[in-house]
Each structure stands twice: as structure tokens, then as C-alpha cells.
Amino acid sequence: MDLSIQFAYDQPDLGQSQTLHRITALSQHGGQLGSMLWDTRHIRNIGVASDQQRRGIATAMWHEGHRMAAENRSIPKPKHSADRTAAGEAWARSVGGRLPRRLVFEGSIGEARPA
């Protein structure tokens, strides 16, 4: 299946103290396929539309973020977060890069333990 992805980059102002970077993956018709949000420390959020998952869109955004960082020193390379779902863990291992020890959340909000 041919997947034609276009990327849009911006720095959204979400009231954070650090500059945030966002890549949005768009179809050739302009429909949103997914997005990746990161700061200097790590990926804050990455998601792909449920009907578009497992087609390489998250991986394409990861590579686009690294390509952009190589071309523009003001954009940090995306890095994996310790806060990953099981699916996020599998994806992070597949694309490579340094993997911080994964945290597993249980109980009330804010209680985390290493996986």
C-alpha cells in the first residue's frame, strides 16, 4: 500500500516553560494522520489515527524529526520518554535510539514505578 505523507511543523504554545515542537503527518488530501510533540528532554506525545496505525506513520514522524534536527540546530532531536505504553515500548525498540527505563503507572495519579 502506497503511503504518501506530508509533514507540517510548528511550535505550539501550550503554556509550557519549554519550547515544544510538533510534527503533524498529513495525507495527500490534507487529512491528519498523526502528530508527534516533543521538547528538549523527550517525546511528550505521539499518536496516529486509529484507522491509520501500523502503516509506518509514527516511524516516518520520528525520522522527519531527526532529519529536521540535523538541518536546524534550534530543533532538538526527538528522544524516547520513560513514560511509554506497551505499544509505545514495542515501537520505540523498533526505531532504535536510547531507551530510558520504562515507568509503569499504578494506583493514584503520579505514582510510578520502573517496569
PDB file of N, CA and C in Angstrom:
ATOM      1  N   MET A   1       0.847  -1.179   0.000  1.00  0.00           N
ATOM      2  CA  MET A   1       0.000   0.000   0.000  1.00  0.00           C
ATOM      3  C   MET A   1       0.892   1.242   0.000  1.00  0.00           C
ATOM      4  N   ASP A   2       0.671   2.148  -0.950  1.00  0.00           N
ATOM      5  CA  ASP A   2       1.459   3.366  -1.065  1.00  0.00           C
ATOM      6  C   ASP A   2       0.984   4.378  -0.031  1.00  0.00           C
ATOM      7  N   LEU A   3       1.919   4.909   0.731  1.00  0.00           N
ATOM      8  CA  LEU A   3       1.579   5.881   1.755  1.00  0.00           C
ATOM      9  C   LEU A   3       2.311   7.179   1.449  1.00  0.00           C
ATOM     10  N   SER A   4       1.585   8.184   1.032  1.00  0.00           N
ATOM     11  CA  SER A   4       2.156   9.485   0.731  1.00  0.00           C
ATOM     12  C   SER A   4       1.868  10.403   1.914  1.00  0.00           C
ATOM     13  N   ILE A   5       2.936  10.789   2.621  1.00  0.00           N
ATOM     14  CA  ILE A   5       2.787  11.620   3.820  1.00  0.00           C
ATOM     15  C   ILE A   5       3.438  12.975   3.585  1.00  0.00           C
ATOM     16  N   GLN A   6       2.744  14.010   3.996  1.00  0.00           N
ATOM     17  CA  GLN A   6       3.308  15.352   4.026  1.00  0.00           C
ATOM     18  C   GLN A   6       3.432  15.726   5.500  1.00  0.00           C
ATOM     19  N   PHE A   7       4.404  16.570   5.821  1.00  0.00           N
ATOM     20  CA  PHE A   7       4.626  16.958   7.211  1.00  0.00           C
ATOM     21  C   PHE A   7       4.448  18.465   7.384  1.00  0.00           C
ATOM     22  N   ALA A   8       3.865  18.828   8.496  1.00  0.00           N
ATOM     23  CA  ALA A   8       3.766  20.232   8.903  1.00  0.00           C
ATOM     24  C   ALA A   8       4.460  20.347  10.250  1.00  0.00           C
ATOM     25  N   TYR A   9       5.269  21.371  10.423  1.00  0.00           N
ATOM     26  CA  TYR A   9       5.994  21.600  11.681  1.00  0.00           C
ATOM     27  C   TYR A   9       5.529  22.910  12.294  1.00  0.00           C
ATOM     28  N   ASP A  10       5.362  22.899  13.612  1.00  0.00           N
ATOM     29  CA  ASP A  10       5.097  24.146  14.318  1.00  0.00           C
ATOM     30  C   ASP A  10       5.606  24.033  15.747  1.00  0.00           C
ATOM     31  N   GLN A  11       5.574  25.164  16.448  1.00  0.00           N
ATOM     32  CA  GLN A  11       5.942  25.229  17.861  1.00  0.00           C
ATOM     33  C   GLN A  11       4.717  25.729  18.618  1.00  0.00           C
ATOM     34  N   PRO A  12       3.859  24.816  19.052  1.00  0.00           N
ATOM     35  CA  PRO A  12       2.616  25.244  19.699  1.00  0.00           C
ATOM     36  C   PRO A  12       2.873  25.874  21.060  1.00  0.00           C
ATOM     37  N   ASP A  13       2.097  26.869  21.398  1.00  0.00           N
ATOM     38  CA  ASP A  13       2.164  27.495  22.721  1.00  0.00           C
ATOM     39  C   ASP A  13       1.090  26.852  23.585  1.00  0.00           C
ATOM     40  N   LEU A  14       1.516  25.891  24.406  1.00  0.00           N
ATOM     41  CA  LEU A  14       0.580  25.180  25.282  1.00  0.00           C
ATOM     42  C   LEU A  14       0.788  25.545  26.745  1.00  0.00           C
ATOM     43  N   GLY A  15       1.382  26.714  26.969  1.00  0.00           N
ATOM     44  CA  GLY A  15       1.581  27.188  28.328  1.00  0.00           C
ATOM     45  C   GLY A  15       2.701  26.473  29.072  1.00  0.00           C
ATOM     46  N   GLN A  16       3.606  25.842  28.356  1.00  0.00           N
ATOM     47  CA  GLN A  16       4.725  25.131  28.969  1.00  0.00           C
ATOM     48  C   GLN A  16       5.927  26.061  29.073  1.00  0.00           C
ATOM     49  N   SER A  17       6.826  25.776  30.033  1.00  0.00           N
ATOM     50  CA  SER A  17       8.011  26.610  30.175  1.00  0.00           C
ATOM     51  C   SER A  17       9.038  26.312  29.085  1.00  0.00           C
ATOM     52  N   GLN A  18       9.050  25.100  28.553  1.00  0.00           N
ATOM     53  CA  GLN A  18       9.982  24.741  27.493  1.00  0.00           C
ATOM     54  C   GLN A  18       9.320  24.897  26.132  1.00  0.00           C
ATOM     55  N   THR A  19      10.143  25.170  25.132  1.00  0.00           N
ATOM     56  CA  THR A  19       9.632  25.237  23.765  1.00  0.00           C
ATOM     57  C   THR A  19       9.212  23.846  23.329  1.00  0.00           C
ATOM     58  N   LEU A  20       8.027  23.745  22.782  1.00  0.00           N
ATOM     59  CA  LEU A  20       7.525  22.478  22.271  1.00  0.00           C
ATOM     60  C   LEU A  20       7.633  22.466  20.749  1.00  0.00           C
ATOM     61  N   HIS A  21       7.854  21.290  20.217  1.00  0.00           N
ATOM     62  CA  HIS A  21       7.981  21.093  18.776  1.00  0.00           C
ATOM     63  C   HIS A  21       6.941  20.056  18.371  1.00  0.00           C
ATOM     64  N   ARG A  22       6.283  20.309  17.228  1.00  0.00           N
ATOM     65  CA  ARG A  22       5.250  19.371  16.797  1.00  0.00           C
ATOM     66  C   ARG A  22       5.362  19.123  15.295  1.00  0.00           C
ATOM     67  N   ILE A  23       5.282  17.858  14.949  1.00  0.00           N
ATOM     68  CA  ILE A  23       5.164  17.451  13.556  1.00  0.00           C
ATOM     69  C   ILE A  23       3.781  16.852  13.408  1.00  0.00           C
ATOM     70  N   THR A  24       3.070  17.292  12.388  1.00  0.00           N
ATOM     71  CA  THR A  24       1.779  16.709  12.047  1.00  0.00           C
ATOM     72  C   THR A  24       1.945  16.008  10.711  1.00  0.00           C
ATOM     73  N   ALA A  25       1.528  14.747  10.664  1.00  0.00           N
ATOM     74  CA  ALA A  25       1.564  13.975   9.420  1.00  0.00           C
ATOM     75  C   ALA A  25       0.215  14.128   8.739  1.00  0.00           C
ATOM     76  N   LEU A  26       0.255  14.493   7.468  1.00  0.00           N
ATOM     77  CA  LEU A  26      -0.960  14.747   6.699  1.00  0.00           C
ATOM     78  C   LEU A  26      -1.001  13.856   5.468  1.00  0.00           C
ATOM     79  N   SER A  27      -2.208  13.447   5.084  1.00  0.00           N
ATOM     80  CA  SER A  27      -2.377  12.677   3.858  1.00  0.00           C
ATOM     81  C   SER A  27      -2.222  13.613   2.670  1.00  0.00           C
ATOM     82  N   GLN A  28      -2.158  13.059   1.487  1.00  0.00           N
ATOM     83  CA  GLN A  28      -2.027  13.889   0.289  1.00  0.00           C
ATOM     84  C   GLN A  28      -3.236  14.790   0.079  1.00  0.00           C
ATOM     85  N   HIS A  29      -4.356  14.469   0.743  1.00  0.00           N
ATOM     86  CA  HIS A  29      -5.565  15.286   0.650  1.00  0.00           C
ATOM     87  C   HIS A  29      -5.704  16.252   1.830  1.00  0.00           C
ATOM     88  N   GLY A  30      -4.701  16.271   2.737  1.00  0.00           N
ATOM     89  CA  GLY A  30      -4.703  17.203   3.854  1.00  0.00           C
ATOM     90  C   GLY A  30      -5.310  16.675   5.141  1.00  0.00           C
ATOM     91  N   GLY A  31      -5.779  15.432   5.153  1.00  0.00           N
ATOM     92  CA  GLY A  31      -6.326  14.856   6.384  1.00  0.00           C
ATOM     93  C   GLY A  31      -5.220  14.519   7.367  1.00  0.00           C
ATOM     94  N   GLN A  32      -5.474  14.749   8.662  1.00  0.00           N
ATOM     95  CA  GLN A  32      -4.459  14.479   9.671  1.00  0.00           C
ATOM     96  C   GLN A  32      -4.349  12.985   9.923  1.00  0.00           C
ATOM     97  N   LEU A  33      -3.122  12.470   9.811  1.00  0.00           N
ATOM     98  CA  LEU A  33      -2.836  11.061  10.058  1.00  0.00           C
ATOM     99  C   LEU A  33      -2.309  10.844  11.467  1.00  0.00           C
ATOM    100  N   GLY A  34      -1.575  11.811  11.989  1.00  0.00           N
ATOM    101  CA  GLY A  34      -0.989  11.674  13.320  1.00  0.00           C
ATOM    102  C   GLY A  34      -0.165  12.901  13.662  1.00  0.00           C
ATOM    103  N   SER A  35       0.365  12.909  14.891  1.00  0.00           N
ATOM    104  CA  SER A  35       1.239  14.008  15.298  1.00  0.00           C
ATOM    105  C   SER A  35       2.208  13.526  16.367  1.00  0.00           C
ATOM    106  N   MET A  36       3.322  14.238  16.467  1.00  0.00           N
ATOM    107  CA  MET A  36       4.342  13.956  17.476  1.00  0.00           C
ATOM    108  C   MET A  36       4.720  15.290  18.108  1.00  0.00           C
ATOM    109  N   LEU A  37       4.701  15.341  19.436  1.00  0.00           N
ATOM    110  CA  LEU A  37       5.015  16.539  20.210  1.00  0.00           C
ATOM    111  C   LEU A  37       6.210  16.220  21.104  1.00  0.00           C
ATOM    112  N   TRP A  38       7.258  17.071  21.064  1.00  0.00           N
ATOM    113  CA  TRP A  38       8.426  16.822  21.895  1.00  0.00           C
ATOM    114  C   TRP A  38       9.061  18.136  22.343  1.00  0.00           C
ATOM    115  N   ASP A  39       9.899  18.002  23.384  1.00  0.00           N
ATOM    116  CA  ASP A  39      10.677  19.139  23.869  1.00  0.00           C
ATOM    117  C   ASP A  39      12.141  18.720  23.899  1.00  0.00           C
ATOM    118  N   THR A  40      12.979  19.473  24.583  1.00  0.00           N
ATOM    119  CA  THR A  40      14.408  19.144  24.597  1.00  0.00           C
ATOM    120  C   THR A  40      14.696  17.850  25.351  1.00  0.00           C
ATOM    121  N   ARG A  41      13.787  17.438  26.222  1.00  0.00           N
ATOM    122  CA  ARG A  41      14.025  16.235  27.025  1.00  0.00           C
ATOM    123  C   ARG A  41      13.547  14.955  26.351  1.00  0.00           C
ATOM    124  N   HIS A  42      12.332  14.963  25.805  1.00  0.00           N
ATOM    125  CA  HIS A  42      11.771  13.723  25.259  1.00  0.00           C
ATOM    126  C   HIS A  42      10.456  13.971  24.508  1.00  0.00           C
ATOM    127  N   ILE A  43       9.976  12.908  23.873  1.00  0.00           N
ATOM    128  CA  ILE A  43       8.672  12.957  23.225  1.00  0.00           C
ATOM    129  C   ILE A  43       7.616  13.084  24.309  1.00  0.00           C
ATOM    130  N   ARG A  44       6.743  14.051  24.170  1.00  0.00           N
ATOM    131  CA  ARG A  44       5.669  14.263  25.150  1.00  0.00           C
ATOM    132  C   ARG A  44       4.419  13.485  24.758  1.00  0.00           C
ATOM    133  N   ASN A  45       4.196  13.352  23.434  1.00  0.00           N
ATOM    134  CA  ASN A  45       3.028  12.628  22.962  1.00  0.00           C
ATOM    135  C   ASN A  45       3.243  12.272  21.493  1.00  0.00           C
ATOM    136  N   ILE A  46       2.832  11.082  21.139  1.00  0.00           N
ATOM    137  CA  ILE A  46       2.839  10.676  19.738  1.00  0.00           C
ATOM    138  C   ILE A  46       1.585   9.847  19.523  1.00  0.00           C
ATOM    139  N   GLY A  47       0.902  10.128  18.446  1.00  0.00           N
ATOM    140  CA  GLY A  47      -0.326   9.399  18.177  1.00  0.00           C
ATOM    141  C   GLY A  47      -0.618   9.348  16.691  1.00  0.00           C
ATOM    142  N   VAL A  48      -1.290   8.285  16.296  1.00  0.00           N
ATOM    143  CA  VAL A  48      -1.690   8.076  14.911  1.00  0.00           C
ATOM    144  C   VAL A  48      -3.170   7.723  14.916  1.00  0.00           C
ATOM    145  N   ALA A  49      -3.904   8.248  13.954  1.00  0.00           N
ATOM    146  CA  ALA A  49      -5.334   7.938  13.841  1.00  0.00           C
ATOM    147  C   ALA A  49      -5.528   6.421  13.844  1.00  0.00           C
ATOM    148  N   SER A  50      -6.536   5.949  14.572  1.00  0.00           N
ATOM    149  CA  SER A  50      -6.717   4.504  14.756  1.00  0.00           C
ATOM    150  C   SER A  50      -6.833   3.746  13.436  1.00  0.00           C
ATOM    151  N   ASP A  51      -7.443   4.347  12.431  1.00  0.00           N
ATOM    152  CA  ASP A  51      -7.580   3.649  11.151  1.00  0.00           C
ATOM    153  C   ASP A  51      -6.316   3.726  10.294  1.00  0.00           C
ATOM    154  N   GLN A  52      -5.271   4.392  10.803  1.00  0.00           N
ATOM    155  CA  GLN A  52      -4.018   4.534  10.062  1.00  0.00           C
ATOM    156  C   GLN A  52      -2.837   3.869  10.768  1.00  0.00           C
ATOM    157  N   GLN A  53      -3.086   3.231  11.905  1.00  0.00           N
ATOM    158  CA  GLN A  53      -1.998   2.637  12.685  1.00  0.00           C
ATOM    159  C   GLN A  53      -1.375   1.447  11.960  1.00  0.00           C
ATOM    160  N   ARG A  54      -0.121   1.189  12.306  1.00  0.00           N
ATOM    161  CA  ARG A  54       0.666   0.074  11.775  1.00  0.00           C
ATOM    162  C   ARG A  54       0.958   0.231  10.274  1.00  0.00           C
ATOM    163  N   ARG A  55       1.050   1.493   9.848  1.00  0.00           N
ATOM    164  CA  ARG A  55       1.388   1.783   8.450  1.00  0.00           C
ATOM    165  C   ARG A  55       2.705   2.553   8.341  1.00  0.00           C
ATOM    166  N   GLY A  56       3.406   2.738   9.461  1.00  0.00           N
ATOM    167  CA  GLY A  56       4.693   3.421   9.438  1.00  0.00           C
ATOM    168  C   GLY A  56       4.630   4.918   9.645  1.00  0.00           C
ATOM    169  N   ILE A  57       3.481   5.439  10.045  1.00  0.00           N
ATOM    170  CA  ILE A  57       3.332   6.887  10.192  1.00  0.00           C
ATOM    171  C   ILE A  57       4.133   7.414  11.380  1.00  0.00           C
ATOM    172  N   ALA A  58       4.056   6.757  12.532  1.00  0.00           N
ATOM    173  CA  ALA A  58       4.839   7.198  13.697  1.00  0.00           C
ATOM    174  C   ALA A  58       6.331   7.140  13.388  1.00  0.00           C
ATOM    175  N   THR A  59       6.749   6.085  12.723  1.00  0.00           N
ATOM    176  CA  THR A  59       8.162   5.952  12.355  1.00  0.00           C
ATOM    177  C   THR A  59       8.570   7.053  11.384  1.00  0.00           C
ATOM    178  N   ALA A  60       7.709   7.372  10.440  1.00  0.00           N
ATOM    179  CA  ALA A  60       8.003   8.455   9.496  1.00  0.00           C
ATOM    180  C   ALA A  60       8.140   9.793  10.232  1.00  0.00           C
ATOM    181  N   MET A  61       7.283  10.051  11.238  1.00  0.00           N
ATOM    182  CA  MET A  61       7.389  11.296  12.014  1.00  0.00           C
ATOM    183  C   MET A  61       8.685  11.317  12.804  1.00  0.00           C
ATOM    184  N   TRP A  62       9.071  10.180  13.398  1.00  0.00           N
ATOM    185  CA  TRP A  62      10.329  10.067  14.140  1.00  0.00           C
ATOM    186  C   TRP A  62      11.502  10.436  13.224  1.00  0.00           C
ATOM    187  N   HIS A  63      11.543   9.849  12.036  1.00  0.00           N
ATOM    188  CA  HIS A  63      12.634  10.129  11.101  1.00  0.00           C
ATOM    189  C   HIS A  63      12.602  11.582  10.613  1.00  0.00           C
ATOM    190  N   GLU A  64      11.418  12.121  10.388  1.00  0.00           N
ATOM    191  CA  GLU A  64      11.305  13.519   9.964  1.00  0.00           C
ATOM    192  C   GLU A  64      11.819  14.455  11.062  1.00  0.00           C
ATOM    193  N   GLY A  65      11.497  14.161  12.322  1.00  0.00           N
ATOM    194  CA  GLY A  65      12.006  14.970  13.436  1.00  0.00           C
ATOM    195  C   GLY A  65      13.521  14.946  13.498  1.00  0.00           C
ATOM    196  N   HIS A  66      14.117  13.782  13.277  1.00  0.00           N
ATOM    197  CA  HIS A  66      15.574  13.679  13.282  1.00  0.00           C
ATOM    198  C   HIS A  66      16.179  14.393  12.072  1.00  0.00           C
ATOM    199  N   ARG A  67      15.526  14.299  10.917  1.00  0.00           N
ATOM    200  CA  ARG A  67      16.006  14.997   9.726  1.00  0.00           C
ATOM    201  C   ARG A  67      15.985  16.507   9.957  1.00  0.00           C
ATOM    202  N   MET A  68      14.895  17.006  10.514  1.00  0.00           N
ATOM    203  CA  MET A  68      14.765  18.437  10.768  1.00  0.00           C
ATOM    204  C   MET A  68      15.813  18.915  11.775  1.00  0.00           C
ATOM    205  N   ALA A  69      16.041  18.121  12.820  1.00  0.00           N
ATOM    206  CA  ALA A  69      17.032  18.496  13.835  1.00  0.00           C
ATOM    207  C   ALA A  69      18.438  18.549  13.240  1.00  0.00           C
ATOM    208  N   ALA A  70      18.738  17.659  12.301  1.00  0.00           N
ATOM    209  CA  ALA A  70      20.050  17.660  11.656  1.00  0.00           C
ATOM    210  C   ALA A  70      20.237  18.906  10.789  1.00  0.00           C
ATOM    211  N   GLU A  71      19.145  19.419  10.245  1.00  0.00           N
ATOM    212  CA  GLU A  71      19.217  20.596   9.375  1.00  0.00           C
ATOM    213  C   GLU A  71      19.094  21.920  10.120  1.00  0.00           C
ATOM    214  N   ASN A  72      18.516  21.902  11.315  1.00  0.00           N
ATOM    215  CA  ASN A  72      18.246  23.135  12.052  1.00  0.00           C
ATOM    216  C   ASN A  72      18.615  22.927  13.519  1.00  0.00           C
ATOM    217  N   ARG A  73      19.684  23.550  13.963  1.00  0.00           N
ATOM    218  CA  ARG A  73      20.189  23.329  15.333  1.00  0.00           C
ATOM    219  C   ARG A  73      19.229  23.803  16.414  1.00  0.00           C
ATOM    220  N   SER A  74      18.248  24.630  16.081  1.00  0.00           N
ATOM    221  CA  SER A  74      17.307  25.093  17.100  1.00  0.00           C
ATOM    222  C   SER A  74      16.206  24.054  17.373  1.00  0.00           C
ATOM    223  N   ILE A  75      16.163  23.006  16.576  1.00  0.00           N
ATOM    224  CA  ILE A  75      15.183  21.928  16.791  1.00  0.00           C
ATOM    225  C   ILE A  75      15.916  20.744  17.405  1.00  0.00           C
ATOM    226  N   PRO A  76      15.523  20.320  18.618  1.00  0.00           N
ATOM    227  CA  PRO A  76      16.199  19.172  19.237  1.00  0.00           C
ATOM    228  C   PRO A  76      15.745  17.859  18.598  1.00  0.00           C
ATOM    229  N   LYS A  77      16.630  16.866  18.634  1.00  0.00           N
ATOM    230  CA  LYS A  77      16.252  15.541  18.157  1.00  0.00           C
ATOM    231  C   LYS A  77      15.178  14.971  19.084  1.00  0.00           C
ATOM    232  N   PRO A  78      14.167  14.330  18.528  1.00  0.00           N
ATOM    233  CA  PRO A  78      13.208  13.634  19.393  1.00  0.00           C
ATOM    234  C   PRO A  78      13.915  12.499  20.136  1.00  0.00           C
ATOM    235  N   LYS A  79      13.583  12.354  21.416  1.00  0.00           N
ATOM    236  CA  LYS A  79      14.144  11.282  22.244  1.00  0.00           C
ATOM    237  C   LYS A  79      12.988  10.544  22.914  1.00  0.00           C
ATOM    238  N   HIS A  80      13.188   9.264  23.162  1.00  0.00           N
ATOM    239  CA  HIS A  80      12.149   8.467  23.804  1.00  0.00           C
ATOM    240  C   HIS A  80      11.949   8.887  25.257  1.00  0.00           C
ATOM    241  N   SER A  81      10.726   8.802  25.709  1.00  0.00           N
ATOM    242  CA  SER A  81      10.358   9.092  27.092  1.00  0.00           C
ATOM    243  C   SER A  81      10.348   7.793  27.896  1.00  0.00           C
ATOM    244  N   ALA A  82      10.484   7.908  29.202  1.00  0.00           N
ATOM    245  CA  ALA A  82      10.335   6.739  30.077  1.00  0.00           C
ATOM    246  C   ALA A  82       8.861   6.372  30.237  1.00  0.00           C
ATOM    247  N   ASP A  83       7.987   7.301  29.944  1.00  0.00           N
ATOM    248  CA  ASP A  83       6.538   7.094  30.074  1.00  0.00           C
ATOM    249  C   ASP A  83       6.005   6.561  28.743  1.00  0.00           C
ATOM    250  N   ARG A  84       6.019   5.211  28.601  1.00  0.00           N
ATOM    251  CA  ARG A  84       5.603   4.576  27.345  1.00  0.00           C
ATOM    252  C   ARG A  84       4.572   3.494  27.625  1.00  0.00           C
ATOM    253  N   THR A  85       3.594   3.387  26.750  1.00  0.00           N
ATOM    254  CA  THR A  85       2.642   2.278  26.819  1.00  0.00           C
ATOM    255  C   THR A  85       3.351   1.019  26.313  1.00  0.00           C
ATOM    256  N   ALA A  86       2.693  -0.126  26.424  1.00  0.00           N
ATOM    257  CA  ALA A  86       3.276  -1.363  25.892  1.00  0.00           C
ATOM    258  C   ALA A  86       3.482  -1.245  24.383  1.00  0.00           C
ATOM    259  N   ALA A  87       2.506  -0.665  23.678  1.00  0.00           N
ATOM    260  CA  ALA A  87       2.654  -0.465  22.235  1.00  0.00           C
ATOM    261  C   ALA A  87       3.773   0.530  21.950  1.00  0.00           C
ATOM    262  N   GLY A  88       3.876   1.573  22.770  1.00  0.00           N
ATOM    263  CA  GLY A  88       4.950   2.555  22.616  1.00  0.00           C
ATOM    264  C   GLY A  88       6.312   1.940  22.864  1.00  0.00           C
ATOM    265  N   GLU A  89       6.383   1.015  23.790  1.00  0.00           N
ATOM    266  CA  GLU A  89       7.636   0.305  24.073  1.00  0.00           C
ATOM    267  C   GLU A  89       8.079  -0.487  22.842  1.00  0.00           C
ATOM    268  N   ALA A  90       7.152  -1.221  22.240  1.00  0.00           N
ATOM    269  CA  ALA A  90       7.480  -2.023  21.053  1.00  0.00           C
ATOM    270  C   ALA A  90       7.921  -1.108  19.908  1.00  0.00           C
ATOM    271  N   TRP A  91       7.207  -0.007  19.721  1.00  0.00           N
ATOM    272  CA  TRP A  91       7.565   0.933  18.651  1.00  0.00           C
ATOM    273  C   TRP A  91       8.946   1.532  18.905  1.00  0.00           C
ATOM    274  N   ALA A  92       9.205   1.976  20.142  1.00  0.00           N
ATOM    275  CA  ALA A  92      10.490   2.598  20.472  1.00  0.00           C
ATOM    276  C   ALA A  92      11.641   1.624  20.204  1.00  0.00           C
ATOM    277  N   ARG A  93      11.458   0.383  20.552  1.00  0.00           N
ATOM    278  CA  ARG A  93      12.502  -0.614  20.283  1.00  0.00           C
ATOM    279  C   ARG A  93      12.702  -0.808  18.781  1.00  0.00           C
ATOM    280  N   SER A  94      11.623  -0.709  18.012  1.00  0.00           N
ATOM    281  CA  SER A  94      11.739  -0.934  16.566  1.00  0.00           C
ATOM    282  C   SER A  94      12.477   0.199  15.852  1.00  0.00           C
ATOM    283  N   VAL A  95      12.330   1.445  16.324  1.00  0.00           N
ATOM    284  CA  VAL A  95      13.003   2.569  15.653  1.00  0.00           C
ATOM    285  C   VAL A  95      14.393   2.827  16.210  1.00  0.00           C
ATOM    286  N   GLY A  96      14.696   2.275  17.372  1.00  0.00           N
ATOM    287  CA  GLY A  96      16.025   2.444  17.955  1.00  0.00           C
ATOM    288  C   GLY A  96      16.151   3.735  18.734  1.00  0.00           C
ATOM    289  N   GLY A  97      17.361   4.028  19.112  1.00  0.00           N
ATOM    290  CA  GLY A  97      17.615   5.189  19.963  1.00  0.00           C
ATOM    291  C   GLY A  97      17.730   4.740  21.412  1.00  0.00           C
ATOM    292  N   ARG A  98      18.210   5.624  22.250  1.00  0.00           N
ATOM    293  CA  ARG A  98      18.364   5.323  23.676  1.00  0.00           C
ATOM    294  C   ARG A  98      16.985   5.205  24.318  1.00  0.00           C
ATOM    295  N   LEU A  99      16.785   4.115  25.049  1.00  0.00           N
ATOM    296  CA  LEU A  99      15.507   3.888  25.727  1.00  0.00           C
ATOM    297  C   LEU A  99      15.684   4.045  27.232  1.00  0.00           C
ATOM    298  N   PRO A 100      15.167   5.131  27.817  1.00  0.00           N
ATOM    299  CA  PRO A 100      15.216   5.229  29.271  1.00  0.00           C
ATOM    300  C   PRO A 100      14.353   4.133  29.881  1.00  0.00           C
ATOM    301  N   ARG A 101      14.679   3.746  31.095  1.00  0.00           N
ATOM    302  CA  ARG A 101      13.901   2.706  31.776  1.00  0.00           C
ATOM    303  C   ARG A 101      12.432   3.105  31.807  1.00  0.00           C
ATOM    304  N   ARG A 102      11.583   2.209  31.363  1.00  0.00           N
ATOM    305  CA  ARG A 102      10.153   2.489  31.238  1.00  0.00           C
ATOM    306  C   ARG A 102       9.488   2.548  32.613  1.00  0.00           C
ATOM    307  N   LEU A 103       8.589   3.513  32.784  1.00  0.00           N
ATOM    308  CA  LEU A 103       7.808   3.642  34.004  1.00  0.00           C
ATOM    309  C   LEU A 103       6.436   3.019  33.801  1.00  0.00           C
ATOM    310  N   VAL A 104       5.957   2.363  34.835  1.00  0.00           N
ATOM    311  CA  VAL A 104       4.613   1.787  34.818  1.00  0.00           C
ATOM    312  C   VAL A 104       3.806   2.526  35.866  1.00  0.00           C
ATOM    313  N   PHE A 105       2.650   3.044  35.481  1.00  0.00           N
ATOM    314  CA  PHE A 105       1.817   3.795  36.403  1.00  0.00           C
ATOM    315  C   PHE A 105       0.748   2.894  37.004  1.00  0.00           C
ATOM    316  N   GLU A 106       0.588   2.997  38.319  1.00  0.00           N
ATOM    317  CA  GLU A 106      -0.456   2.253  39.003  1.00  0.00           C
ATOM    318  C   GLU A 106      -1.030   3.117  40.113  1.00  0.00           C
ATOM    319  N   GLY A 107      -2.184   2.744  40.572  1.00  0.00           N
ATOM    320  CA  GLY A 107      -2.808   3.465  41.682  1.00  0.00           C
ATOM    321  C   GLY A 107      -3.204   4.871  41.311  1.00  0.00           C
ATOM    322  N   SER A 108      -3.007   5.781  42.254  1.00  0.00           N
ATOM    323  CA  SER A 108      -3.435   7.161  42.025  1.00  0.00           C
ATOM    324  C   SER A 108      -2.455   7.871  41.090  1.00  0.00           C
ATOM    325  N   ILE A 109      -2.925   8.965  40.549  1.00  0.00           N
ATOM    326  CA  ILE A 109      -2.137   9.745  39.603  1.00  0.00           C
ATOM    327  C   ILE A 109      -0.822  10.147  40.262  1.00  0.00           C
ATOM    328  N   GLY A 110       0.248   9.995  39.513  1.00  0.00           N
ATOM    329  CA  GLY A 110       1.560  10.407  39.993  1.00  0.00           C
ATOM    330  C   GLY A 110       2.368   9.297  40.634  1.00  0.00           C
ATOM    331  N   GLU A 111       1.778   8.116  40.856  1.00  0.00           N
ATOM    332  CA  GLU A 111       2.524   7.008  41.422  1.00  0.00           C
ATOM    333  C   GLU A 111       3.072   6.157  40.293  1.00  0.00           C
ATOM    334  N   ALA A 112       4.380   6.139  40.160  1.00  0.00           N
ATOM    335  CA  ALA A 112       5.003   5.369  39.082  1.00  0.00           C
ATOM    336  C   ALA A 112       6.122   4.527  39.668  1.00  0.00           C
ATOM    337  N   ARG A 113       6.359   3.404  39.024  1.00  0.00           N
ATOM    338  CA  ARG A 113       7.482   2.559  39.401  1.00  0.00           C
ATOM    339  C   ARG A 113       8.171   2.112  38.127  1.00  0.00           C
ATOM    340  N   PRO A 114       9.476   1.833  38.183  1.00  0.00           N
ATOM    341  CA  PRO A 114      10.154   1.329  36.991  1.00  0.00           C
ATOM    342  C   PRO A 114       9.559  -0.004  36.562  1.00  0.00           C
ATOM    343  N   ALA A 115       9.527  -0.243  35.267  1.00  0.00           N
ATOM    344  CA  ALA A 115       8.996  -1.507  34.739  1.00  0.00           C
ATOM    345  C   ALA A 115       9.963  -2.638  35.017  1.00  0.00           C
TER     346      ALA A 115
END
